[in-house]
C-alpha atoms as a PDB file:
ATOM      1  CA  MET A   1       8.602 -17.538  10.995  1.00  0.00           C
ATOM      2  CA  THR A   2       6.600 -14.859  12.413  1.00  0.00           C
ATOM      3  CA  SER A   3       3.072 -16.485  12.614  1.00  0.00           C
ATOM      4  CA  LEU A   4       0.079 -14.066  11.373  1.00  0.00           C
ATOM      5  CA  SER A   5      -1.507 -13.854  14.587  1.00  0.00           C
ATOM      6  CA  ALA A   6       1.633 -12.185  16.057  1.00  0.00           C
ATOM      7  CA  LEU A   7       2.163  -9.431  13.201  1.00  0.00           C
ATOM      8  CA  ARG A   8       1.548  -6.236  14.868  1.00  0.00           C
ATOM      9  CA  ILE A   9       1.646  -4.367  12.003  1.00  0.00           C
ATOM     10  CA  LYS A  10      -1.410  -2.799  10.374  1.00  0.00           C
ATOM     11  CA  ILE A  11      -2.544  -4.333   6.774  1.00  0.00           C
ATOM     12  CA  PHE A  12      -4.161  -1.634   4.332  1.00  0.00           C
ATOM     13  CA  ALA A  13      -5.843  -3.486   1.338  1.00  0.00           C
ATOM     14  CA  ASP A  14      -4.424  -1.269  -1.804  1.00  0.00           C
ATOM     15  CA  GLY A  15      -7.068  -1.620  -4.913  1.00  0.00           C
ATOM     16  CA  ALA A  16      -9.984  -0.024  -6.673  1.00  0.00           C
ATOM     17  CA  ASP A  17     -12.365  -2.540  -7.187  1.00  0.00           C
ATOM     18  CA  LEU A  18     -15.795  -2.248  -4.936  1.00  0.00           C
ATOM     19  CA  ALA A  19     -16.234  -6.234  -5.129  1.00  0.00           C
ATOM     20  CA  SER A  20     -13.177  -7.043  -3.909  1.00  0.00           C
ATOM     21  CA  ILE A  21     -13.147  -4.396  -1.946  1.00  0.00           C
ATOM     22  CA  ALA A  22     -16.572  -5.449  -0.178  1.00  0.00           C
ATOM     23  CA  LYS A  23     -14.934  -8.849   0.444  1.00  0.00           C
ATOM     24  CA  LEU A  24     -11.867  -7.627   2.293  1.00  0.00           C
ATOM     25  CA  ALA A  25     -14.464  -5.765   4.173  1.00  0.00           C
ATOM     26  CA  THR A  26     -15.732  -9.043   6.051  1.00  0.00           C
ATOM     27  CA  ASN A  27     -11.761  -9.676   6.620  1.00  0.00           C
ATOM     28  CA  PRO A  28     -11.008  -8.259  10.226  1.00  0.00           C
ATOM     29  CA  LEU A  29      -7.333  -8.994   9.302  1.00  0.00           C
ATOM     30  CA  ILE A  30      -7.626  -5.432   7.215  1.00  0.00           C
ATOM     31  CA  LYS A  31      -7.349  -2.127   8.837  1.00  0.00           C
ATOM     32  CA  GLY A  32      -7.865   0.390   5.878  1.00  0.00           C
ATOM     33  CA  PHE A  33      -7.886   0.991   2.585  1.00  0.00           C
ATOM     34  CA  THR A  34      -5.999   2.725  -0.012  1.00  0.00           C
ATOM     35  CA  THR A  35      -6.337   3.393  -3.572  1.00  0.00           C
ATOM     36  CA  ASN A  36      -4.904   6.110  -6.502  1.00  0.00           C
ATOM     37  CA  PRO A  37      -5.924   7.505  -9.672  1.00  0.00           C
ATOM     38  CA  THR A  38      -3.631   4.647 -11.494  1.00  0.00           C
ATOM     39  CA  LEU A  39      -5.439   1.747  -9.807  1.00  0.00           C
ATOM     40  CA  MET A  40      -9.227   3.282 -10.667  1.00  0.00           C
ATOM     41  CA  ALA A  41      -8.471   4.007 -14.251  1.00  0.00           C
ATOM     42  CA  LYS A  42      -7.266   0.042 -14.644  1.00  0.00           C
ATOM     43  CA  ALA A  43     -10.362  -0.808 -13.136  1.00  0.00           C
ATOM     44  CA  GLY A  44     -12.299   1.468 -15.336  1.00  0.00           C
ATOM     45  CA  VAL A  45     -13.887   3.626 -12.728  1.00  0.00           C
ATOM     46  CA  PRO A  46     -15.867   6.361 -14.511  1.00  0.00           C
ATOM     47  CA  ASP A  47     -16.662   8.315 -11.694  1.00  0.00           C
ATOM     48  CA  TYR A  48     -14.000   9.438  -9.046  1.00  0.00           C
ATOM     49  CA  GLU A  49     -16.107  11.031  -6.513  1.00  0.00           C
ATOM     50  CA  VAL A  50     -18.855   8.256  -7.074  1.00  0.00           C
ATOM     51  CA  PHE A  51     -16.303   5.929  -6.562  1.00  0.00           C
ATOM     52  CA  GLY A  52     -14.826   7.720  -3.556  1.00  0.00           C
ATOM     53  CA  ARG A  53     -18.278   8.057  -1.649  1.00  0.00           C
ATOM     54  CA  ALA A  54     -19.492   4.325  -2.187  1.00  0.00           C
ATOM     55  CA  VAL A  55     -15.617   3.328  -0.665  1.00  0.00           C
ATOM     56  CA  LEU A  56     -16.131   5.019   2.177  1.00  0.00           C
ATOM     57  CA  ALA A  57     -19.499   4.579   3.000  1.00  0.00           C
ATOM     58  CA  MET A  58     -18.502   0.232   2.523  1.00  0.00           C
ATOM     59  CA  VAL A  59     -16.262   0.505   5.059  1.00  0.00           C
ATOM     60  CA  PRO A  60     -17.239   3.696   7.925  1.00  0.00           C
ATOM     61  CA  ASP A  61     -15.380   2.037  10.347  1.00  0.00           C
ATOM     62  CA  ARG A  62     -11.565   2.073   8.934  1.00  0.00           C
ATOM     63  CA  PRO A  63      -9.693   4.769   7.012  1.00  0.00           C
ATOM     64  CA  VAL A  64      -9.394   5.042   3.332  1.00  0.00           C
ATOM     65  CA  SER A  65      -7.126   6.840   1.381  1.00  0.00           C
ATOM     66  CA  LEU A  66      -8.205   8.959  -1.645  1.00  0.00           C
ATOM     67  CA  GLU A  67      -6.152  10.660  -3.619  1.00  0.00           C
ATOM     68  CA  VAL A  68      -6.306  14.507  -5.145  1.00  0.00           C
ATOM     69  CA  PHE A  69      -4.730  14.850  -9.024  1.00  0.00           C
ATOM     70  CA  ALA A  70      -4.511  18.385  -9.131  1.00  0.00           C
ATOM     71  CA  ASP A  71      -1.173  19.778  -9.738  1.00  0.00           C
ATOM     72  CA  ASP A  72      -1.698  23.035  -8.926  1.00  0.00           C
ATOM     73  CA  PHE A  73      -0.793  23.581  -5.505  1.00  0.00           C
ATOM     74  CA  ASP A  74      -4.075  25.642  -4.935  1.00  0.00           C
ATOM     75  CA  ALA A  75      -6.155  23.209  -6.833  1.00  0.00           C
ATOM     76  CA  MET A  76      -4.729  20.177  -4.475  1.00  0.00           C
ATOM     77  CA  ILE A  77      -5.819  21.993  -0.962  1.00  0.00           C
ATOM     78  CA  ALA A  78      -9.064  22.406  -2.663  1.00  0.00           C
ATOM     79  CA  GLN A  79      -9.659  18.686  -3.713  1.00  0.00           C
ATOM     80  CA  ALA A  80      -8.113  17.979  -0.717  1.00  0.00           C
ATOM     81  CA  ARG A  81     -11.176  19.305   1.341  1.00  0.00           C
ATOM     82  CA  ALA A  82     -13.787  18.259  -1.173  1.00  0.00           C
ATOM     83  CA  ILE A  83     -12.668  14.426  -0.338  1.00  0.00           C
ATOM     84  CA  ALA A  84     -12.311  15.333   3.285  1.00  0.00           C
ATOM     85  CA  GLY A  85     -15.924  16.202   3.488  1.00  0.00           C
ATOM     86  CA  TRP A  86     -17.048  12.612   1.337  1.00  0.00           C
ATOM     87  CA  GLY A  87     -16.836  10.899   4.743  1.00  0.00           C
ATOM     88  CA  ARG A  88     -14.899  11.068   8.479  1.00  0.00           C
ATOM     89  CA  ASN A  89     -12.691   8.186   7.670  1.00  0.00           C
ATOM     90  CA  ALA A  90     -11.113  10.274   4.303  1.00  0.00           C
ATOM     91  CA  ASN A  91      -7.354   9.822   4.435  1.00  0.00           C
ATOM     92  CA  ILE A  92      -6.311  12.341   1.829  1.00  0.00           C
ATOM     93  CA  LYS A  93      -3.395  11.003  -0.195  1.00  0.00           C
ATOM     94  CA  ILE A  94      -1.381  14.513  -1.343  1.00  0.00           C
ATOM     95  CA  PRO A  95       1.716  14.064  -3.875  1.00  0.00           C
ATOM     96  CA  VAL A  96       5.516  14.529  -2.148  1.00  0.00           C
ATOM     97  CA  THR A  97       5.725  16.252  -5.240  1.00  0.00           C
ATOM     98  CA  ASP A  98       3.917  18.334  -7.909  1.00  0.00           C
ATOM     99  CA  THR A  99       4.888  16.962 -11.628  1.00  0.00           C
ATOM    100  CA  LYS A 100       7.939  19.493 -11.950  1.00  0.00           C
ATOM    101  CA  GLY A 101       9.286  18.184  -8.398  1.00  0.00           C
ATOM    102  CA  ARG A 102       8.111  21.100  -6.690  1.00  0.00           C
ATOM    103  CA  PHE A 103       8.277  19.738  -2.851  1.00  0.00           C
ATOM    104  CA  ALA A 104       4.303  20.025  -2.119  1.00  0.00           C
ATOM    105  CA  GLY A 105       5.205  20.988   2.152  1.00  0.00           C
ATOM    106  CA  PRO A 106       2.442  24.140   1.433  1.00  0.00           C
ATOM    107  CA  VAL A 107       0.043  21.629   0.398  1.00  0.00           C
ATOM    108  CA  ILE A 108       0.844  19.083   3.512  1.00  0.00           C
ATOM    109  CA  ARG A 109       1.279  21.978   6.086  1.00  0.00           C
ATOM    110  CA  ALA A 110      -1.900  23.789   5.234  1.00  0.00           C
ATOM    111  CA  LEU A 111      -4.057  20.789   5.298  1.00  0.00           C
ATOM    112  CA  ALA A 112      -2.460  18.906   8.553  1.00  0.00           C
ATOM    113  CA  ASP A 113      -2.331  22.413  10.306  1.00  0.00           C
ATOM    114  CA  SER A 114      -6.084  22.435   9.597  1.00  0.00           C
ATOM    115  CA  GLY A 115      -6.980  19.056  10.968  1.00  0.00           C
ATOM    116  CA  VAL A 116      -6.991  17.174   8.294  1.00  0.00           C
ATOM    117  CA  VAL A 117      -5.273  13.484   8.063  1.00  0.00           C
ATOM    118  CA  VAL A 118      -2.868  13.470   5.079  1.00  0.00           C
ATOM    119  CA  ASN A 119      -1.426  10.292   3.699  1.00  0.00           C
ATOM    120  CA  VAL A 120       1.735  11.612   1.759  1.00  0.00           C
ATOM    121  CA  THR A 121       2.482   9.790  -0.941  1.00  0.00           C
ATOM    122  CA  ALA A 122       5.294   8.659  -3.495  1.00  0.00           C
ATOM    123  CA  ILE A 123       8.286   9.206  -0.869  1.00  0.00           C
ATOM    124  CA  MET A 124      11.347   7.787  -2.079  1.00  0.00           C
ATOM    125  CA  THR A 125      14.119   9.015   0.207  1.00  0.00           C
ATOM    126  CA  GLN A 126      14.922   9.767   4.218  1.00  0.00           C
ATOM    127  CA  GLN A 127      15.248  13.544   3.113  1.00  0.00           C
ATOM    128  CA  GLN A 128      12.027  13.738   1.747  1.00  0.00           C
ATOM    129  CA  VAL A 129      10.385  11.750   4.927  1.00  0.00           C
ATOM    130  CA  GLU A 130      12.239  14.244   6.904  1.00  0.00           C
ATOM    131  CA  ALA A 131      11.133  17.422   4.625  1.00  0.00           C
ATOM    132  CA  VAL A 132       7.363  15.938   5.466  1.00  0.00           C
ATOM    133  CA  ALA A 133       7.789  15.634   9.158  1.00  0.00           C
ATOM    134  CA  GLU A 134       8.836  19.249   9.065  1.00  0.00           C
ATOM    135  CA  CYS A 135       5.417  19.869   7.640  1.00  0.00           C
ATOM    136  CA  LEU A 136       2.844  17.482   9.726  1.00  0.00           C
ATOM    137  CA  ALA A 137       1.128  18.859  12.966  1.00  0.00           C
ATOM    138  CA  HIS A 138       2.125  17.537  16.495  1.00  0.00           C
ATOM    139  CA  ASP A 139      -1.362  16.727  17.381  1.00  0.00           C
ATOM    140  CA  VAL A 140      -3.053  15.443  13.916  1.00  0.00           C
ATOM    141  CA  PRO A 141      -2.310  11.933  12.662  1.00  0.00           C
ATOM    142  CA  ALA A 142      -0.900  11.469   9.314  1.00  0.00           C
ATOM    143  CA  ILE A 143       0.360   8.660   7.044  1.00  0.00           C
ATOM    144  CA  VAL A 144       3.693   9.189   5.619  1.00  0.00           C
ATOM    145  CA  SER A 145       3.880   6.340   2.636  1.00  0.00           C
ATOM    146  CA  VAL A 146       7.679   5.323   1.443  1.00  0.00           C
ATOM    147  CA  PHE A 147       7.478   2.925  -1.539  1.00  0.00           C
ATOM    148  CA  ALA A 148      10.167   0.562  -0.391  1.00  0.00           C
ATOM    149  CA  GLY A 149       9.056  -2.098  -3.511  1.00  0.00           C
ATOM    150  CA  ARG A 150      10.113   0.682  -5.857  1.00  0.00           C
ATOM    151  CA  VAL A 151      13.500   1.334  -3.693  1.00  0.00           C
ATOM    152  CA  ALA A 152      13.568  -1.949  -3.937  1.00  0.00           C
ATOM    153  CA  ASP A 153      13.777  -2.330  -7.497  1.00  0.00           C
ATOM    154  CA  THR A 154      16.834  -0.114  -7.648  1.00  0.00           C
ATOM    155  CA  GLY A 155      18.917  -2.407  -6.217  1.00  0.00           C
ATOM    156  CA  ARG A 156      18.441  -0.971  -2.777  1.00  0.00           C
ATOM    157  CA  ASP A 157      18.028  -3.089   0.262  1.00  0.00           C
ATOM    158  CA  PRO A 158      14.406  -1.236   1.742  1.00  0.00           C
ATOM    159  CA  VAL A 159      14.884  -2.740   5.737  1.00  0.00           C
ATOM    160  CA  PRO A 160      17.851  -0.736   6.587  1.00  0.00           C
ATOM    161  CA  HIS A 161      16.305   2.404   3.928  1.00  0.00           C
ATOM    162  CA  MET A 162      12.928   1.611   5.891  1.00  0.00           C
ATOM    163  CA  GLU A 163      14.752   1.907   9.179  1.00  0.00           C
ATOM    164  CA  ARG A 164      15.978   5.284   8.865  1.00  0.00           C
ATOM    165  CA  CYS A 165      12.730   6.541   7.929  1.00  0.00           C
ATOM    166  CA  LEU A 166      11.128   5.388  10.814  1.00  0.00           C
ATOM    167  CA  ALA A 167      13.871   7.541  12.776  1.00  0.00           C
ATOM    168  CA  ALA A 168      13.108  10.575  10.492  1.00  0.00           C
ATOM    169  CA  LEU A 169       9.167  10.626  11.822  1.00  0.00           C
ATOM    170  CA  LYS A 170      10.695   9.884  15.397  1.00  0.00           C
ATOM    171  CA  ALA A 171       9.502  13.903  15.936  1.00  0.00           C
ATOM    172  CA  ARG A 172       6.268  13.220  14.942  1.00  0.00           C
ATOM    173  CA  PRO A 173       4.865  10.500  17.112  1.00  0.00           C
ATOM    174  CA  LYS A 174       1.013  10.960  15.220  1.00  0.00           C
ATOM    175  CA  ALA A 175       2.606  10.397  11.710  1.00  0.00           C
ATOM    176  CA  GLU A 176       2.466   6.512  10.760  1.00  0.00           C
ATOM    177  CA  LEU A 177       4.841   5.012   8.260  1.00  0.00           C
ATOM    178  CA  LEU A 178       3.934   2.860   5.383  1.00  0.00           C
ATOM    179  CA  TRP A 179       5.496   0.373   3.803  1.00  0.00           C
ATOM    180  CA  ALA A 180       4.102   0.765   0.045  1.00  0.00           C
ATOM    181  CA  SER A 181       4.459  -1.228  -2.933  1.00  0.00           C
ATOM    182  CA  PRO A 182       5.699  -4.420  -1.613  1.00  0.00           C
ATOM    183  CA  ARG A 183       6.832  -6.827  -3.985  1.00  0.00           C
ATOM    184  CA  GLU A 184       6.456 -10.332  -2.295  1.00  0.00           C
ATOM    185  CA  LEU A 185       4.830 -11.833   1.232  1.00  0.00           C
ATOM    186  CA  LEU A 186       7.877 -11.477   2.842  1.00  0.00           C
ATOM    187  CA  ASN A 187       7.982  -8.090   2.558  1.00  0.00           C
ATOM    188  CA  ILE A 188       5.314  -7.710   5.722  1.00  0.00           C
ATOM    189  CA  PHE A 189       7.412  -9.748   8.058  1.00  0.00           C
ATOM    190  CA  GLN A 190      10.098  -7.223   7.033  1.00  0.00           C
ATOM    191  CA  ALA A 191       7.900  -4.791   8.027  1.00  0.00           C
ATOM    192  CA  ASP A 192       6.782  -5.854  11.441  1.00  0.00           C
ATOM    193  CA  ALA A 193       9.810  -6.887  11.977  1.00  0.00           C
ATOM    194  CA  ILE A 194      11.508  -3.295  12.354  1.00  0.00           C
ATOM    195  CA  GLY A 195       8.310  -1.497  13.886  1.00  0.00           C
ATOM    196  CA  CYS A 196       6.729  -0.117  10.386  1.00  0.00           C
ATOM    197  CA  PRO A 197       3.200   0.454  11.117  1.00  0.00           C
ATOM    198  CA  ILE A 198       1.443  -0.145   8.328  1.00  0.00           C
ATOM    199  CA  ILE A 199       1.572  -1.582   4.864  1.00  0.00           C
ATOM    200  CA  THR A 200      -0.166  -1.790   2.188  1.00  0.00           C
ATOM    201  CA  VAL A 201      -1.348  -5.178   0.095  1.00  0.00           C
ATOM    202  CA  THR A 202      -3.052  -6.202  -2.897  1.00  0.00           C
ATOM    203  CA  PRO A 203      -5.424  -8.468  -3.153  1.00  0.00           C
ATOM    204  CA  ASP A 204      -3.136 -10.958  -5.117  1.00  0.00           C
ATOM    205  CA  MET A 205      -0.781 -11.003  -2.438  1.00  0.00           C
ATOM    206  CA  LEU A 206      -3.450 -11.175   0.481  1.00  0.00           C
ATOM    207  CA  ALA A 207      -4.198 -14.040  -1.323  1.00  0.00           C
ATOM    208  CA  LYS A 208      -0.882 -15.752  -0.615  1.00  0.00           C
ATOM    209  CA  LEU A 209      -1.555 -15.659   3.171  1.00  0.00           C
ATOM    210  CA  ALA A 210      -2.523 -18.940   3.229  1.00  0.00           C
ATOM    211  CA  LEU A 211       0.921 -20.065   2.403  1.00  0.00           C
ATOM    212  CA  ILE A 212       2.489 -18.508   5.416  1.00  0.00           C
ATOM    213  CA  GLY A 213       4.256 -21.262   7.849  1.00  0.00           C
ATOM    214  CA  LYS A 214       3.291 -23.719   5.062  1.00  0.00           C
ATOM    215  CA  ASP A 215       5.553 -27.267   5.282  1.00  0.00           C
ATOM    216  CA  LEU A 216       8.167 -26.719   2.327  1.00  0.00           C
ATOM    217  CA  ASP A 217       8.203 -30.818   1.510  1.00  0.00           C
ATOM    218  CA  GLU A 218       4.398 -30.470   1.077  1.00  0.00           C
ATOM    219  CA  TYR A 219       4.945 -27.012  -1.317  1.00  0.00           C
ATOM    220  CA  SER A 220       8.217 -28.755  -3.317  1.00  0.00           C
ATOM    221  CA  LEU A 221       6.033 -31.856  -3.622  1.00  0.00           C
ATOM    222  CA  GLU A 222       3.250 -29.706  -5.042  1.00  0.00           C
ATOM    223  CA  THR A 223       5.087 -28.101  -7.435  1.00  0.00           C
ATOM    224  CA  VAL A 224       6.497 -31.108  -9.098  1.00  0.00           C
ATOM    225  CA  LYS A 225       3.190 -32.295  -9.798  1.00  0.00           C
ATOM    226  CA  MET A 226       1.760 -29.031 -11.171  1.00  0.00           C
ATOM    227  CA  PHE A 227       4.998 -29.399 -13.338  1.00  0.00           C
ATOM    228  CA  HIS A 228       4.007 -32.714 -14.385  1.00  0.00           C
ATOM    229  CA  GLY A 229       0.627 -32.037 -14.452  1.00  0.00           C
ATOM    230  CA  ASP A 230       0.745 -29.029 -16.894  1.00  0.00           C
ATOM    231  CA  ALA A 231       3.104 -30.900 -19.319  1.00  0.00           C
ATOM    232  CA  MET A 232       0.259 -33.570 -19.823  1.00  0.00           C
ATOM    233  CA  ALA A 233      -2.115 -31.298 -20.389  1.00  0.00           C
ATOM    234  CA  ALA A 234      -0.339 -29.874 -22.812  1.00  0.00           C
ATOM    235  CA  GLY A 235       0.301 -33.412 -24.290  1.00  0.00           C
ATOM    236  CA  TYR A 236       4.173 -32.366 -24.843  1.00  0.00           C
ATOM    237  CA  SER A 237       6.349 -35.463 -25.864  1.00  0.00           C
ATOM    238  CA  ILE A 238      10.379 -36.098 -26.107  1.00  0.00           C
ATOM    239  CA  ARG A 239      11.991 -38.638 -28.511  1.00  0.00           C
ATOM    240  CA  ALA A 240      14.331 -40.391 -26.500  1.00  0.00           C
ATOM    241  CA  CYS A 241      16.229 -43.360 -27.827  1.00  0.00           C
ATOM    242  CA  GLY A 242      13.683 -43.198 -30.859  1.00  0.00           C
ATOM    243  CA  LYS A 243      11.222 -43.822 -28.146  1.00  0.00           C
ATOM    244  CA  GLU A 244       8.526 -41.027 -27.698  1.00  0.00           C
ATOM    245  CA  THR A 245       8.308 -40.436 -23.850  1.00  0.00           C
END
């Protein structure tokens, strides 16, 4: 078991709740923040720009990934440049394709060539990583987000998959692979073990960090007590041999 202090991977908090972001901003373990339109809509964010500017101002010392939502390549570029102007720490999330499945290479290339730090998102395959790498500038930082959790949801082992994606980025040393949508705390250690630079973690998963290295006998007893306590609190009973127990 690797200790939390020994982790090399950068943990980015993923969410869209300003109060949660403000709290996590005080945690030195959190090296950056990411969000997306779906998370923002679920959180009830009413104004995209107001929210984006607020987060960037709240954590000016760490990168914040904000996503374009246009579906036209020219409009994507325009939105990306606008967001980039909201703060120096803005990383611009560009979906790997539009909604028709057309590769967003022209958008990625145009932005990278002009010095914009992109975070190419919704990637699933090694081939997509290779195509994105071809569009990135050699001297401009970038993030390449592979949704390892969703890959795992299809029954595929995400670890060798992400190792191949890491290899596909070797020609772009400024580009960092991001393990997106982790499903369990173990994924942090798996990503760290293969040398993945970044992982996104939700507040719910971050709350489990206190469990790292926990004594398993102690954890077992706590679980037994939880089951017993919940049954008693619910007033459950079973008639056994004519007696209520």
